[in-house]
C-alpha cells in the first residue's frame, strides 16, 4: 500500500432513497484485498446511471456514482500485472461503489494500461463506450472475425467487407465507437444524427448520415432489401428504436443497449435475430482496443470537463441526452 494516504477524501454521493446528489469531504478511503486502490484522475458519467438502483441491490443508501475511470495504481495485488504508479483506466462494475471520488478500487480484470498518446481525461471516456460498442458489433452482432493489431504492429482488419451496418445515435459515446469499429472491419456504415452532428459523424468515417429529425429509416430504405442492414445497433432508443426494425435485413441482427428495448408489434420477422445486453468489463479487451487508439485509428471525444465540485452541472449536461461523446468529472489536476 502506498504511504501517506489521507484519512478522508472528497466524494460525490447519490442518495438512493430520495434520488439526490451531494458532495462530502469526509468519505472513507476504501481498502480491499481483491481490488487495486487507485488515485482517481478522472471519471466519466453514463447517461441514466442514477436510475440503476433497483438493479443494484448492494448499493448503500449513500452510493458513489460513475464507473469509467482513469488513475494511478497505489496498491499492489498478488498475481496482478499492474504495479505501483501504473497509469490505468477501466470500467468498474456498476453493482459496486463507483469512482467519483479521490481514491477508488478496481479489479485487475477490469483494468488496462492507458494507451500512449492520450491523456487521463480522455482515457476516462473510453472504457464503457468502447467495450459496449466492441461487444455489440463483434460479439452480439457477430459481424465478423475481430480486427486486431498484431504483435508486430500490423493492423489486421477488413474481415466484414460487403456487410452493412446502421448505428442509431452515431454521435453518442457508444455510437461513435461502434462506427469506428465497424469501419475497421471493412463494412459500409450509416449512422443517424441530427443536423448539428452531421459533419462530426461524417468525420468518424460514416458512409452516409441519416437525419433522424426529417427522415425515418422506413422511408430511407424504401422497402428495398438492398438498402437494409446486416446489423442495426440501437444506441438511441425511443422512436428511433422501433423505426430501426424497418432497416434490418431478413437474416440480419438487431442489437440494443437502451433500456426499454422493444420488438415490433407481432414480433420480429422470421430469420431475424435480436439482442439486448449489458456490456462486460474486460481489461484484456480494453487493452486490445487501446492498440487501435495508439495507432490513431480509433478516437474518443470529451464532451465537457467539470471539476468534482461541479458534479451537479456535469450530471445535468449528461441528462440532456445530447452530449457529443462523454461528460467527464476531473477529480485530480495532475496526472501522477
C-alpha atoms as a PDB file:
ATOM      1  CA  UNK A   1       0.000   0.000   0.000  1.00  0.00           C
ATOM      2  CA  UNK A   2       1.229   3.493  -0.808  1.00  0.00           C
ATOM      3  CA  UNK A   3       2.379   5.683   2.087  1.00  0.00           C
ATOM      4  CA  UNK A   4       0.836   8.967   3.173  1.00  0.00           C
ATOM      5  CA  UNK A   5      -2.724   8.271   2.073  1.00  0.00           C
ATOM      6  CA  UNK A   6      -5.197  10.748   3.565  1.00  0.00           C
ATOM      7  CA  UNK A   7      -7.612   9.582   6.237  1.00  0.00           C
ATOM      8  CA  UNK A   8     -10.639  11.044   4.420  1.00  0.00           C
ATOM      9  CA  UNK A   9     -11.468  12.031   0.852  1.00  0.00           C
ATOM     10  CA  UNK A  10     -13.810  14.102  -1.300  1.00  0.00           C
ATOM     11  CA  UNK A  11     -16.580  12.068  -2.959  1.00  0.00           C
ATOM     12  CA  UNK A  12     -19.839  12.577  -4.800  1.00  0.00           C
ATOM     13  CA  UNK A  13     -22.716  10.724  -3.172  1.00  0.00           C
ATOM     14  CA  UNK A  14     -26.040   9.596  -4.623  1.00  0.00           C
ATOM     15  CA  UNK A  15     -28.841   9.181  -2.095  1.00  0.00           C
ATOM     16  CA  UNK A  16     -30.765   6.121  -3.278  1.00  0.00           C
ATOM     17  CA  UNK A  17     -33.721   6.965  -1.015  1.00  0.00           C
ATOM     18  CA  UNK A  18     -34.530  10.431  -2.349  1.00  0.00           C
ATOM     19  CA  UNK A  19     -32.535  10.376  -5.633  1.00  0.00           C
ATOM     20  CA  UNK A  20     -30.409  13.401  -4.794  1.00  0.00           C
ATOM     21  CA  UNK A  21     -26.710  14.112  -5.331  1.00  0.00           C
ATOM     22  CA  UNK A  22     -24.371  15.716  -2.829  1.00  0.00           C
ATOM     23  CA  UNK A  23     -20.664  16.025  -2.100  1.00  0.00           C
ATOM     24  CA  UNK A  24     -18.679  15.250   1.033  1.00  0.00           C
ATOM     25  CA  UNK A  25     -15.086  15.856   2.092  1.00  0.00           C
ATOM     26  CA  UNK A  26     -15.148  13.159   4.769  1.00  0.00           C
ATOM     27  CA  UNK A  27     -15.715   9.926   2.836  1.00  0.00           C
ATOM     28  CA  UNK A  28     -13.517   6.997   3.936  1.00  0.00           C
ATOM     29  CA  UNK A  29     -10.594   5.731   1.859  1.00  0.00           C
ATOM     30  CA  UNK A  30     -11.591   2.255   0.597  1.00  0.00           C
ATOM     31  CA  UNK A  31      -9.417  -0.793   1.131  1.00  0.00           C
ATOM     32  CA  UNK A  32      -9.534  -4.215  -0.464  1.00  0.00           C
ATOM     33  CA  UNK A  33      -7.556  -7.440  -0.630  1.00  0.00           C
ATOM     34  CA  UNK A  34      -9.024  -8.300  -4.046  1.00  0.00           C
ATOM     35  CA  UNK A  35      -9.046  -4.938  -5.851  1.00  0.00           C
ATOM     36  CA  UNK A  36      -6.374  -2.355  -6.637  1.00  0.00           C
ATOM     37  CA  UNK A  37      -6.652   1.012  -4.948  1.00  0.00           C
ATOM     38  CA  UNK A  38      -6.204   3.802  -7.463  1.00  0.00           C
ATOM     39  CA  UNK A  39      -5.756   7.533  -7.140  1.00  0.00           C
ATOM     40  CA  UNK A  40      -8.526   8.776  -9.411  1.00  0.00           C
ATOM     41  CA  UNK A  41      -7.700  11.354 -12.045  1.00  0.00           C
ATOM     42  CA  UNK A  42     -10.977  11.470 -13.995  1.00  0.00           C
ATOM     43  CA  UNK A  43     -14.289   9.663 -14.154  1.00  0.00           C
ATOM     44  CA  UNK A  44     -16.969   9.740 -16.850  1.00  0.00           C
ATOM     45  CA  UNK A  45     -20.731   9.725 -16.379  1.00  0.00           C
ATOM     46  CA  UNK A  46     -23.024   7.240 -18.091  1.00  0.00           C
ATOM     47  CA  UNK A  47     -26.379   8.709 -19.037  1.00  0.00           C
ATOM     48  CA  UNK A  48     -29.136   7.140 -16.944  1.00  0.00           C
ATOM     49  CA  UNK A  49     -26.844   5.587 -14.347  1.00  0.00           C
ATOM     50  CA  UNK A  50     -28.735   7.177 -11.455  1.00  0.00           C
ATOM     51  CA  UNK A  51     -31.773   5.064 -12.391  1.00  0.00           C
ATOM     52  CA  UNK A  52     -29.957   1.773 -11.821  1.00  0.00           C
ATOM     53  CA  UNK A  53     -30.576   1.481  -8.069  1.00  0.00           C
ATOM     54  CA  UNK A  54     -33.402  -1.104  -8.438  1.00  0.00           C
ATOM     55  CA  UNK A  55     -31.000  -3.376 -10.332  1.00  0.00           C
ATOM     56  CA  UNK A  56     -28.106  -2.906  -7.899  1.00  0.00           C
ATOM     57  CA  UNK A  57     -29.218  -4.261  -4.509  1.00  0.00           C
ATOM     58  CA  UNK A  58     -25.740  -3.888  -2.988  1.00  0.00           C
ATOM     59  CA  UNK A  59     -25.694  -0.095  -3.336  1.00  0.00           C
ATOM     60  CA  UNK A  60     -25.657   1.559   0.096  1.00  0.00           C
ATOM     61  CA  UNK A  61     -28.072   4.369   0.908  1.00  0.00           C
ATOM     62  CA  UNK A  62     -25.291   6.839   0.024  1.00  0.00           C
ATOM     63  CA  UNK A  63     -23.665   5.440  -3.102  1.00  0.00           C
ATOM     64  CA  UNK A  64     -20.656   6.753  -5.036  1.00  0.00           C
ATOM     65  CA  UNK A  65     -21.635   7.006  -8.750  1.00  0.00           C
ATOM     66  CA  UNK A  66     -19.611   6.924 -12.011  1.00  0.00           C
ATOM     67  CA  UNK A  67     -17.840   3.780 -13.204  1.00  0.00           C
ATOM     68  CA  UNK A  68     -15.488   4.771 -16.051  1.00  0.00           C
ATOM     69  CA  UNK A  69     -12.190   5.815 -14.524  1.00  0.00           C
ATOM     70  CA  UNK A  70      -8.603   6.778 -15.175  1.00  0.00           C
ATOM     71  CA  UNK A  71      -5.977   6.997 -12.471  1.00  0.00           C
ATOM     72  CA  UNK A  72      -2.787   5.698 -10.908  1.00  0.00           C
ATOM     73  CA  UNK A  73      -2.293   2.400  -9.108  1.00  0.00           C
ATOM     74  CA  UNK A  74      -1.427   2.954  -5.434  1.00  0.00           C
ATOM     75  CA  UNK A  75      -1.739  -0.608  -4.092  1.00  0.00           C
ATOM     76  CA  UNK A  76      -0.492  -3.937  -5.371  1.00  0.00           C
ATOM     77  CA  UNK A  77      -2.206  -7.315  -5.576  1.00  0.00           C
ATOM     78  CA  UNK A  78      -0.759 -10.824  -5.749  1.00  0.00           C
ATOM     79  CA  UNK A  79      -0.667 -12.217  -9.299  1.00  0.00           C
ATOM     80  CA  UNK A  80      -1.642  -8.872 -10.856  1.00  0.00           C
ATOM     81  CA  UNK A  81       0.391  -7.490 -13.753  1.00  0.00           C
ATOM     82  CA  UNK A  82      -0.204  -3.932 -12.529  1.00  0.00           C
ATOM     83  CA  UNK A  83       2.281  -2.259 -10.221  1.00  0.00           C
ATOM     84  CA  UNK A  84       2.562   0.916  -8.153  1.00  0.00           C
ATOM     85  CA  UNK A  85       2.499   4.024 -10.301  1.00  0.00           C
ATOM     86  CA  UNK A  86       0.925   2.439 -13.394  1.00  0.00           C
ATOM     87  CA  UNK A  87      -1.374   4.826 -15.279  1.00  0.00           C
ATOM     88  CA  UNK A  88      -4.535   2.797 -15.901  1.00  0.00           C
ATOM     89  CA  UNK A  89      -8.132   3.031 -16.986  1.00  0.00           C
ATOM     90  CA  UNK A  90     -11.109   0.731 -16.770  1.00  0.00           C
ATOM     91  CA  UNK A  91     -14.768   0.191 -16.052  1.00  0.00           C
ATOM     92  CA  UNK A  92     -15.845  -0.703 -12.519  1.00  0.00           C
ATOM     93  CA  UNK A  93     -18.882  -2.976 -12.368  1.00  0.00           C
ATOM     94  CA  UNK A  94     -21.910  -0.814 -11.571  1.00  0.00           C
ATOM     95  CA  UNK A  95     -23.006  -3.114  -8.763  1.00  0.00           C
ATOM     96  CA  UNK A  96     -20.067  -1.892  -6.681  1.00  0.00           C
ATOM     97  CA  UNK A  97     -19.087   1.570  -5.454  1.00  0.00           C
ATOM     98  CA  UNK A  98     -18.169   3.988  -8.215  1.00  0.00           C
ATOM     99  CA  UNK A  99     -15.248   6.293  -8.883  1.00  0.00           C
ATOM    100  CA  UNK A 100     -16.474   9.866  -8.400  1.00  0.00           C
ATOM    101  CA  UNK A 101     -14.017  10.217  -5.518  1.00  0.00           C
ATOM    102  CA  UNK A 102     -10.314  10.782  -4.974  1.00  0.00           C
ATOM    103  CA  UNK A 103      -9.487   7.124  -4.308  1.00  0.00           C
ATOM    104  CA  UNK A 104     -11.399   4.113  -5.641  1.00  0.00           C
ATOM    105  CA  UNK A 105     -10.951   0.383  -6.126  1.00  0.00           C
ATOM    106  CA  UNK A 106     -10.938  -1.656  -9.326  1.00  0.00           C
ATOM    107  CA  UNK A 107     -10.385  -5.324 -10.164  1.00  0.00           C
ATOM    108  CA  UNK A 108      -7.260  -6.142 -12.144  1.00  0.00           C
ATOM    109  CA  UNK A 109      -9.535  -7.933 -14.647  1.00  0.00           C
ATOM    110  CA  UNK A 110     -11.317  -4.612 -15.283  1.00  0.00           C
ATOM    111  CA  UNK A 111      -8.093  -2.678 -15.778  1.00  0.00           C
ATOM    112  CA  UNK A 112      -5.792  -1.815 -18.694  1.00  0.00           C
ATOM    113  CA  UNK A 113      -2.827   0.471 -19.182  1.00  0.00           C
ATOM    114  CA  UNK A 114      -3.761   3.850 -20.659  1.00  0.00           C
ATOM    115  CA  UNK A 115      -2.804   3.893 -24.366  1.00  0.00           C
ATOM    116  CA  UNK A 116       0.122   6.053 -25.320  1.00  0.00           C
ATOM    117  CA  UNK A 117      -0.860   9.366 -26.852  1.00  0.00           C
ATOM    118  CA  UNK A 118      -3.978  10.158 -24.810  1.00  0.00           C
ATOM    119  CA  UNK A 119      -4.240  11.959 -21.501  1.00  0.00           C
ATOM    120  CA  UNK A 120      -6.102  10.733 -18.441  1.00  0.00           C
ATOM    121  CA  UNK A 121      -9.116  12.966 -19.011  1.00  0.00           C
ATOM    122  CA  UNK A 122      -9.628  11.498 -22.466  1.00  0.00           C
ATOM    123  CA  UNK A 123      -8.893   7.976 -21.248  1.00  0.00           C
ATOM    124  CA  UNK A 124     -11.779   8.113 -18.783  1.00  0.00           C
ATOM    125  CA  UNK A 125     -14.196   8.438 -21.726  1.00  0.00           C
ATOM    126  CA  UNK A 126     -13.149   5.170 -23.329  1.00  0.00           C
ATOM    127  CA  UNK A 127     -13.958   2.030 -21.278  1.00  0.00           C
ATOM    128  CA  UNK A 128     -17.755   1.676 -21.175  1.00  0.00           C
ATOM    129  CA  UNK A 129     -18.367   3.178 -24.600  1.00  0.00           C
ATOM    130  CA  UNK A 130     -15.633   1.208 -26.310  1.00  0.00           C
ATOM    131  CA  UNK A 131     -16.390  -2.122 -24.642  1.00  0.00           C
ATOM    132  CA  UNK A 132     -20.127  -1.796 -25.271  1.00  0.00           C
ATOM    133  CA  UNK A 133     -19.596  -0.963 -28.942  1.00  0.00           C
ATOM    134  CA  UNK A 134     -16.984  -3.687 -29.406  1.00  0.00           C
ATOM    135  CA  UNK A 135     -19.177  -6.372 -27.845  1.00  0.00           C
ATOM    136  CA  UNK A 136     -22.254  -5.162 -29.757  1.00  0.00           C
ATOM    137  CA  UNK A 137     -20.557  -5.245 -33.154  1.00  0.00           C
ATOM    138  CA  UNK A 138     -18.360  -8.320 -32.876  1.00  0.00           C
ATOM    139  CA  UNK A 139     -19.997 -10.475 -30.207  1.00  0.00           C
ATOM    140  CA  UNK A 140     -23.738  -9.774 -30.100  1.00  0.00           C
ATOM    141  CA  UNK A 141     -23.857  -8.718 -33.749  1.00  0.00           C
ATOM    142  CA  UNK A 142     -21.487 -11.477 -34.897  1.00  0.00           C
ATOM    143  CA  UNK A 143     -20.337  -9.128 -37.632  1.00  0.00           C
ATOM    144  CA  UNK A 144     -17.035 -10.783 -38.449  1.00  0.00           C
ATOM    145  CA  UNK A 145     -13.782 -12.058 -37.097  1.00  0.00           C
ATOM    146  CA  UNK A 146     -12.407  -9.413 -34.749  1.00  0.00           C
ATOM    147  CA  UNK A 147      -9.898  -6.920 -36.187  1.00  0.00           C
ATOM    148  CA  UNK A 148      -6.680  -6.597 -34.229  1.00  0.00           C
ATOM    149  CA  UNK A 149      -3.205  -5.113 -34.104  1.00  0.00           C
ATOM    150  CA  UNK A 150      -0.578  -7.849 -34.282  1.00  0.00           C
ATOM    151  CA  UNK A 151       2.467  -8.052 -32.011  1.00  0.00           C
ATOM    152  CA  UNK A 152       4.452  -6.699 -34.949  1.00  0.00           C
ATOM    153  CA  UNK A 153       2.193  -3.624 -35.019  1.00  0.00           C
ATOM    154  CA  UNK A 154       0.307  -4.569 -38.175  1.00  0.00           C
ATOM    155  CA  UNK A 155      -3.417  -3.828 -38.380  1.00  0.00           C
ATOM    156  CA  UNK A 156      -5.453  -6.871 -39.378  1.00  0.00           C
ATOM    157  CA  UNK A 157      -8.946  -5.740 -40.361  1.00  0.00           C
ATOM    158  CA  UNK A 158     -11.496  -5.662 -43.142  1.00  0.00           C
ATOM    159  CA  UNK A 159     -12.914  -9.086 -42.320  1.00  0.00           C
ATOM    160  CA  UNK A 160     -16.531  -7.948 -42.882  1.00  0.00           C
ATOM    161  CA  UNK A 161     -16.218  -6.308 -46.307  1.00  0.00           C
ATOM    162  CA  UNK A 162     -19.554  -6.355 -48.105  1.00  0.00           C
ATOM    163  CA  UNK A 163     -21.576  -6.152 -44.881  1.00  0.00           C
ATOM    164  CA  UNK A 164     -23.761  -3.177 -43.974  1.00  0.00           C
ATOM    165  CA  UNK A 165     -24.110  -1.644 -40.500  1.00  0.00           C
ATOM    166  CA  UNK A 166     -26.518   1.008 -39.204  1.00  0.00           C
ATOM    167  CA  UNK A 167     -25.781   2.823 -35.927  1.00  0.00           C
ATOM    168  CA  UNK A 168     -28.760   4.604 -34.366  1.00  0.00           C
ATOM    169  CA  UNK A 169     -27.350   7.516 -32.366  1.00  0.00           C
ATOM    170  CA  UNK A 170     -23.953   7.671 -34.072  1.00  0.00           C
ATOM    171  CA  UNK A 171     -22.753  10.843 -32.312  1.00  0.00           C
ATOM    172  CA  UNK A 172     -23.092   9.499 -28.766  1.00  0.00           C
ATOM    173  CA  UNK A 173     -20.323   7.935 -26.704  1.00  0.00           C
ATOM    174  CA  UNK A 174     -21.174   4.338 -27.679  1.00  0.00           C
ATOM    175  CA  UNK A 175     -22.346   5.131 -31.202  1.00  0.00           C
ATOM    176  CA  UNK A 176     -19.175   6.916 -32.264  1.00  0.00           C
ATOM    177  CA  UNK A 177     -17.116   3.929 -31.130  1.00  0.00           C
ATOM    178  CA  UNK A 178     -19.370   1.470 -32.960  1.00  0.00           C
ATOM    179  CA  UNK A 179     -18.972   3.429 -36.187  1.00  0.00           C
ATOM    180  CA  UNK A 180     -15.202   3.253 -35.950  1.00  0.00           C
ATOM    181  CA  UNK A 181     -15.102  -0.461 -35.109  1.00  0.00           C
ATOM    182  CA  UNK A 182     -17.455  -1.341 -37.966  1.00  0.00           C
ATOM    183  CA  UNK A 183     -15.232   0.644 -40.355  1.00  0.00           C
ATOM    184  CA  UNK A 184     -12.148  -1.228 -39.096  1.00  0.00           C
ATOM    185  CA  UNK A 185     -13.997  -4.400 -40.065  1.00  0.00           C
ATOM    186  CA  UNK A 186     -14.483  -3.027 -43.586  1.00  0.00           C
ATOM    187  CA  UNK A 187     -18.248  -2.501 -43.614  1.00  0.00           C
ATOM    188  CA  UNK A 188     -20.474   0.126 -45.168  1.00  0.00           C
ATOM    189  CA  UNK A 189     -21.705   2.201 -42.225  1.00  0.00           C
ATOM    190  CA  UNK A 190     -24.700   4.508 -41.983  1.00  0.00           C
ATOM    191  CA  UNK A 191     -25.458   6.493 -38.849  1.00  0.00           C
ATOM    192  CA  UNK A 192     -28.363   8.570 -37.603  1.00  0.00           C
ATOM    193  CA  UNK A 193     -27.680  12.046 -36.264  1.00  0.00           C
ATOM    194  CA  UNK A 194     -29.252  15.493 -36.086  1.00  0.00           C
ATOM    195  CA  UNK A 195     -28.148  18.365 -38.336  1.00  0.00           C
ATOM    196  CA  UNK A 196     -25.678  19.729 -35.765  1.00  0.00           C
ATOM    197  CA  UNK A 197     -23.799  16.440 -35.669  1.00  0.00           C
ATOM    198  CA  UNK A 198     -23.777  15.652 -39.394  1.00  0.00           C
ATOM    199  CA  UNK A 199     -20.207  16.799 -40.074  1.00  0.00           C
ATOM    200  CA  UNK A 200     -18.977  15.265 -36.836  1.00  0.00           C
ATOM    201  CA  UNK A 201     -20.389  11.852 -37.762  1.00  0.00           C
ATOM    202  CA  UNK A 202     -19.010  12.079 -41.289  1.00  0.00           C
ATOM    203  CA  UNK A 203     -15.623  12.750 -39.704  1.00  0.00           C
ATOM    204  CA  UNK A 204     -15.870   9.404 -37.927  1.00  0.00           C
ATOM    205  CA  UNK A 205     -15.865   7.671 -41.303  1.00  0.00           C
ATOM    206  CA  UNK A 206     -19.596   7.112 -41.731  1.00  0.00           C
ATOM    207  CA  UNK A 207     -20.515   6.463 -45.362  1.00  0.00           C
ATOM    208  CA  UNK A 208     -23.936   8.026 -45.042  1.00  0.00           C
ATOM    209  CA  UNK A 209     -25.669  10.141 -42.381  1.00  0.00           C
ATOM    210  CA  UNK A 210     -29.429   9.889 -41.930  1.00  0.00           C
ATOM    211  CA  UNK A 211     -31.031  12.943 -40.334  1.00  0.00           C
ATOM    212  CA  UNK A 212     -33.456  11.361 -37.890  1.00  0.00           C
ATOM    213  CA  UNK A 213     -35.277  14.677 -37.434  1.00  0.00           C
ATOM    214  CA  UNK A 214     -36.514  14.668 -41.044  1.00  0.00           C
ATOM    215  CA  UNK A 215     -36.155  11.098 -42.355  1.00  0.00           C
ATOM    216  CA  UNK A 216     -37.306   7.806 -40.876  1.00  0.00           C
ATOM    217  CA  UNK A 217     -35.399   4.609 -41.599  1.00  0.00           C
ATOM    218  CA  UNK A 218     -38.629   3.200 -43.034  1.00  0.00           C
ATOM    219  CA  UNK A 219     -38.618   5.976 -45.641  1.00  0.00           C
ATOM    220  CA  UNK A 220     -34.859   5.774 -46.170  1.00  0.00           C
ATOM    221  CA  UNK A 221     -34.813   2.069 -47.053  1.00  0.00           C
ATOM    222  CA  UNK A 222     -37.983   2.481 -49.159  1.00  0.00           C
ATOM    223  CA  UNK A 223     -38.741  -1.224 -48.828  1.00  0.00           C
ATOM    224  CA  UNK A 224     -35.564  -2.198 -50.683  1.00  0.00           C
ATOM    225  CA  UNK A 225     -33.773  -5.211 -49.234  1.00  0.00           C
ATOM    226  CA  UNK A 226     -30.534  -3.945 -50.808  1.00  0.00           C
ATOM    227  CA  UNK A 227     -30.675  -0.778 -48.681  1.00  0.00           C
ATOM    228  CA  UNK A 228     -31.219  -2.705 -45.448  1.00  0.00           C
ATOM    229  CA  UNK A 229     -28.508  -3.728 -42.991  1.00  0.00           C
ATOM    230  CA  UNK A 230     -26.869  -6.890 -41.728  1.00  0.00           C
ATOM    231  CA  UNK A 231     -26.574  -5.252 -38.308  1.00  0.00           C
ATOM    232  CA  UNK A 232     -28.641  -2.462 -36.765  1.00  0.00           C
ATOM    233  CA  UNK A 233     -27.174  -1.231 -33.476  1.00  0.00           C
ATOM    234  CA  UNK A 234     -29.505   0.903 -31.359  1.00  0.00           C
ATOM    235  CA  UNK A 235     -27.843   3.458 -29.085  1.00  0.00           C
ATOM    236  CA  UNK A 236     -30.760   5.900 -29.266  1.00  0.00           C
ATOM    237  CA  UNK A 237     -33.971   4.296 -28.017  1.00  0.00           C
ATOM    238  CA  UNK A 238     -37.383   5.952 -28.253  1.00  0.00           C
ATOM    239  CA  UNK A 239     -38.988   6.251 -31.683  1.00  0.00           C
ATOM    240  CA  UNK A 240     -35.656   5.506 -33.345  1.00  0.00           C
ATOM    241  CA  UNK A 241     -35.562   2.108 -31.663  1.00  0.00           C
ATOM    242  CA  UNK A 242     -38.815   0.937 -33.242  1.00  0.00           C
ATOM    243  CA  UNK A 243     -38.096   2.656 -36.550  1.00  0.00           C
ATOM    244  CA  UNK A 244     -34.781   0.811 -36.745  1.00  0.00           C
ATOM    245  CA  UNK A 245     -36.559  -2.502 -37.219  1.00  0.00           C
ATOM    246  CA  UNK A 246     -37.518  -1.330 -40.713  1.00  0.00           C
ATOM    247  CA  UNK A 247     -33.856  -1.361 -41.689  1.00  0.00           C
ATOM    248  CA  UNK A 248     -32.882  -4.922 -40.715  1.00  0.00           C
ATOM    249  CA  UNK A 249     -32.301  -7.490 -43.456  1.00  0.00           C
ATOM    250  CA  UNK A 250     -34.386 -10.662 -43.417  1.00  0.00           C
ATOM    251  CA  UNK A 251     -31.468 -12.604 -41.936  1.00  0.00           C
ATOM    252  CA  UNK A 252     -29.988  -9.643 -40.068  1.00  0.00           C
ATOM    253  CA  UNK A 253     -29.359  -8.809 -36.424  1.00  0.00           C
ATOM    254  CA  UNK A 254     -30.809  -6.025 -34.270  1.00  0.00           C
ATOM    255  CA  UNK A 255     -28.762  -5.196 -31.160  1.00  0.00           C
ATOM    256  CA  UNK A 256     -29.708  -2.647 -28.491  1.00  0.00           C
ATOM    257  CA  UNK A 257     -28.212  -1.378 -25.257  1.00  0.00           C
ATOM    258  CA  UNK A 258     -31.059   1.023 -24.462  1.00  0.00           C
ATOM    259  CA  UNK A 259     -33.388   0.217 -21.527  1.00  0.00           C
ATOM    260  CA  UNK A 260     -36.939  -0.497 -22.608  1.00  0.00           C
ATOM    261  CA  UNK A 261     -35.915  -2.394 -25.730  1.00  0.00           C
ATOM    262  CA  UNK A 262     -38.954  -3.481 -27.755  1.00  0.00           C
ATOM    263  CA  UNK A 263     -39.582  -5.721 -30.703  1.00  0.00           C
ATOM    264  CA  UNK A 264     -42.093  -4.664 -33.388  1.00  0.00           C
ATOM    265  CA  UNK A 265     -45.766  -5.399 -32.866  1.00  0.00           C
ATOM    266  CA  UNK A 266     -46.403  -9.019 -33.729  1.00  0.00           C
ATOM    267  CA  UNK A 267     -42.788  -9.938 -33.047  1.00  0.00           C
ATOM    268  CA  UNK A 268     -39.691  -9.804 -35.219  1.00  0.00           C
ATOM    269  CA  UNK A 269     -39.792 -11.342 -38.693  1.00  0.00           C
ATOM    270  CA  UNK A 270     -38.693 -14.949 -39.028  1.00  0.00           C
ATOM    271  CA  UNK A 271     -34.946 -15.247 -39.616  1.00  0.00           C
ATOM    272  CA  UNK A 272     -34.022 -12.048 -37.778  1.00  0.00           C
ATOM    273  CA  UNK A 273     -32.097 -12.203 -34.533  1.00  0.00           C
ATOM    274  CA  UNK A 274     -32.194  -9.623 -31.764  1.00  0.00           C
ATOM    275  CA  UNK A 275     -30.289  -8.999 -28.553  1.00  0.00           C
ATOM    276  CA  UNK A 276     -30.394  -6.540 -25.690  1.00  0.00           C
ATOM    277  CA  UNK A 277     -27.334  -6.710 -23.475  1.00  0.00           C
ATOM    278  CA  UNK A 278     -25.228  -5.037 -20.819  1.00  0.00           C
ATOM    279  CA  UNK A 279     -21.506  -4.837 -21.514  1.00  0.00           C
ATOM    280  CA  UNK A 280     -18.955  -6.817 -19.523  1.00  0.00           C
ATOM    281  CA  UNK A 281     -15.842  -5.053 -18.250  1.00  0.00           C
ATOM    282  CA  UNK A 282     -12.872  -6.885 -19.755  1.00  0.00           C
ATOM    283  CA  UNK A 283      -9.421  -5.447 -19.256  1.00  0.00           C
ATOM    284  CA  UNK A 284      -7.810  -7.586 -21.949  1.00  0.00           C
ATOM    285  CA  UNK A 285     -10.396  -6.429 -24.483  1.00  0.00           C
ATOM    286  CA  UNK A 286      -9.812  -2.825 -23.463  1.00  0.00           C
ATOM    287  CA  UNK A 287      -6.095  -3.357 -23.924  1.00  0.00           C
ATOM    288  CA  UNK A 288      -6.692  -4.623 -27.485  1.00  0.00           C
ATOM    289  CA  UNK A 289      -8.858  -1.579 -28.247  1.00  0.00           C
ATOM    290  CA  UNK A 290      -6.097   0.614 -26.828  1.00  0.00           C
ATOM    291  CA  UNK A 291      -3.725  -0.578 -29.532  1.00  0.00           C
ATOM    292  CA  UNK A 292      -6.021   0.918 -32.179  1.00  0.00           C
ATOM    293  CA  UNK A 293      -6.128   4.136 -30.155  1.00  0.00           C
ATOM    294  CA  UNK A 294      -2.323   4.263 -30.078  1.00  0.00           C
ATOM    295  CA  UNK A 295      -2.256   3.985 -33.868  1.00  0.00           C
ATOM    296  CA  UNK A 296      -4.756   6.817 -34.236  1.00  0.00           C
ATOM    297  CA  UNK A 297      -7.340   4.508 -35.809  1.00  0.00           C
ATOM    298  CA  UNK A 298      -9.897   4.914 -33.024  1.00  0.00           C
ATOM    299  CA  UNK A 299     -10.700   8.194 -31.292  1.00  0.00           C
ATOM    300  CA  UNK A 300     -12.951   9.177 -28.454  1.00  0.00           C
ATOM    301  CA  UNK A 301     -14.476  12.536 -27.622  1.00  0.00           C
ATOM    302  CA  UNK A 302     -14.713  14.528 -24.439  1.00  0.00           C
ATOM    303  CA  UNK A 303     -17.968  16.476 -24.491  1.00  0.00           C
ATOM    304  CA  UNK A 304     -17.079  18.601 -21.478  1.00  0.00           C
ATOM    305  CA  UNK A 305     -14.949  18.521 -18.340  1.00  0.00           C
ATOM    306  CA  UNK A 306     -16.138  19.560 -14.872  1.00  0.00           C
ATOM    307  CA  UNK A 307     -14.414  19.793 -11.507  1.00  0.00           C
ATOM    308  CA  UNK A 308     -15.696  17.406  -8.861  1.00  0.00           C
ATOM    309  CA  UNK A 309     -17.318  20.372  -7.114  1.00  0.00           C
ATOM    310  CA  UNK A 310     -19.315  20.951 -10.334  1.00  0.00           C
ATOM    311  CA  UNK A 311     -20.908  17.494 -10.200  1.00  0.00           C
ATOM    312  CA  UNK A 312     -24.452  18.859 -10.498  1.00  0.00           C
ATOM    313  CA  UNK A 313     -23.667  20.654 -13.764  1.00  0.00           C
ATOM    314  CA  UNK A 314     -21.901  17.554 -15.089  1.00  0.00           C
ATOM    315  CA  UNK A 315     -24.853  15.268 -14.402  1.00  0.00           C
ATOM    316  CA  UNK A 316     -27.274  17.853 -15.798  1.00  0.00           C
ATOM    317  CA  UNK A 317     -25.310  18.035 -19.048  1.00  0.00           C
ATOM    318  CA  UNK A 318     -25.321  14.246 -19.359  1.00  0.00           C
ATOM    319  CA  UNK A 319     -29.054  14.077 -18.678  1.00  0.00           C
ATOM    320  CA  UNK A 320     -29.811  16.210 -21.743  1.00  0.00           C
ATOM    321  CA  UNK A 321     -29.021  13.151 -23.875  1.00  0.00           C
ATOM    322  CA  UNK A 322     -27.221  15.353 -26.378  1.00  0.00           C
ATOM    323  CA  UNK A 323     -23.615  15.070 -25.230  1.00  0.00           C
ATOM    324  CA  UNK A 324     -21.110  14.539 -28.050  1.00  0.00           C
ATOM    325  CA  UNK A 325     -19.010  11.812 -26.521  1.00  0.00           C
ATOM    326  CA  UNK A 326     -18.733  11.681 -22.733  1.00  0.00           C
ATOM    327  CA  UNK A 327     -19.079  14.155 -19.882  1.00  0.00           C
ATOM    328  CA  UNK A 328     -16.086  13.953 -17.534  1.00  0.00           C
ATOM    329  CA  UNK A 329     -15.600  14.838 -13.883  1.00  0.00           C
ATOM    330  CA  UNK A 330     -11.938  15.716 -13.354  1.00  0.00           C
ATOM    331  CA  UNK A 331     -11.026  14.734  -9.811  1.00  0.00           C
ATOM    332  CA  UNK A 332      -7.255  15.476  -9.791  1.00  0.00           C
ATOM    333  CA  UNK A 333      -5.299  18.176 -11.593  1.00  0.00           C
ATOM    334  CA  UNK A 334      -2.039  16.271 -12.021  1.00  0.00           C
ATOM    335  CA  UNK A 335      -1.513  13.039 -13.970  1.00  0.00           C
ATOM    336  CA  UNK A 336       0.806  11.424 -11.421  1.00  0.00           C
END
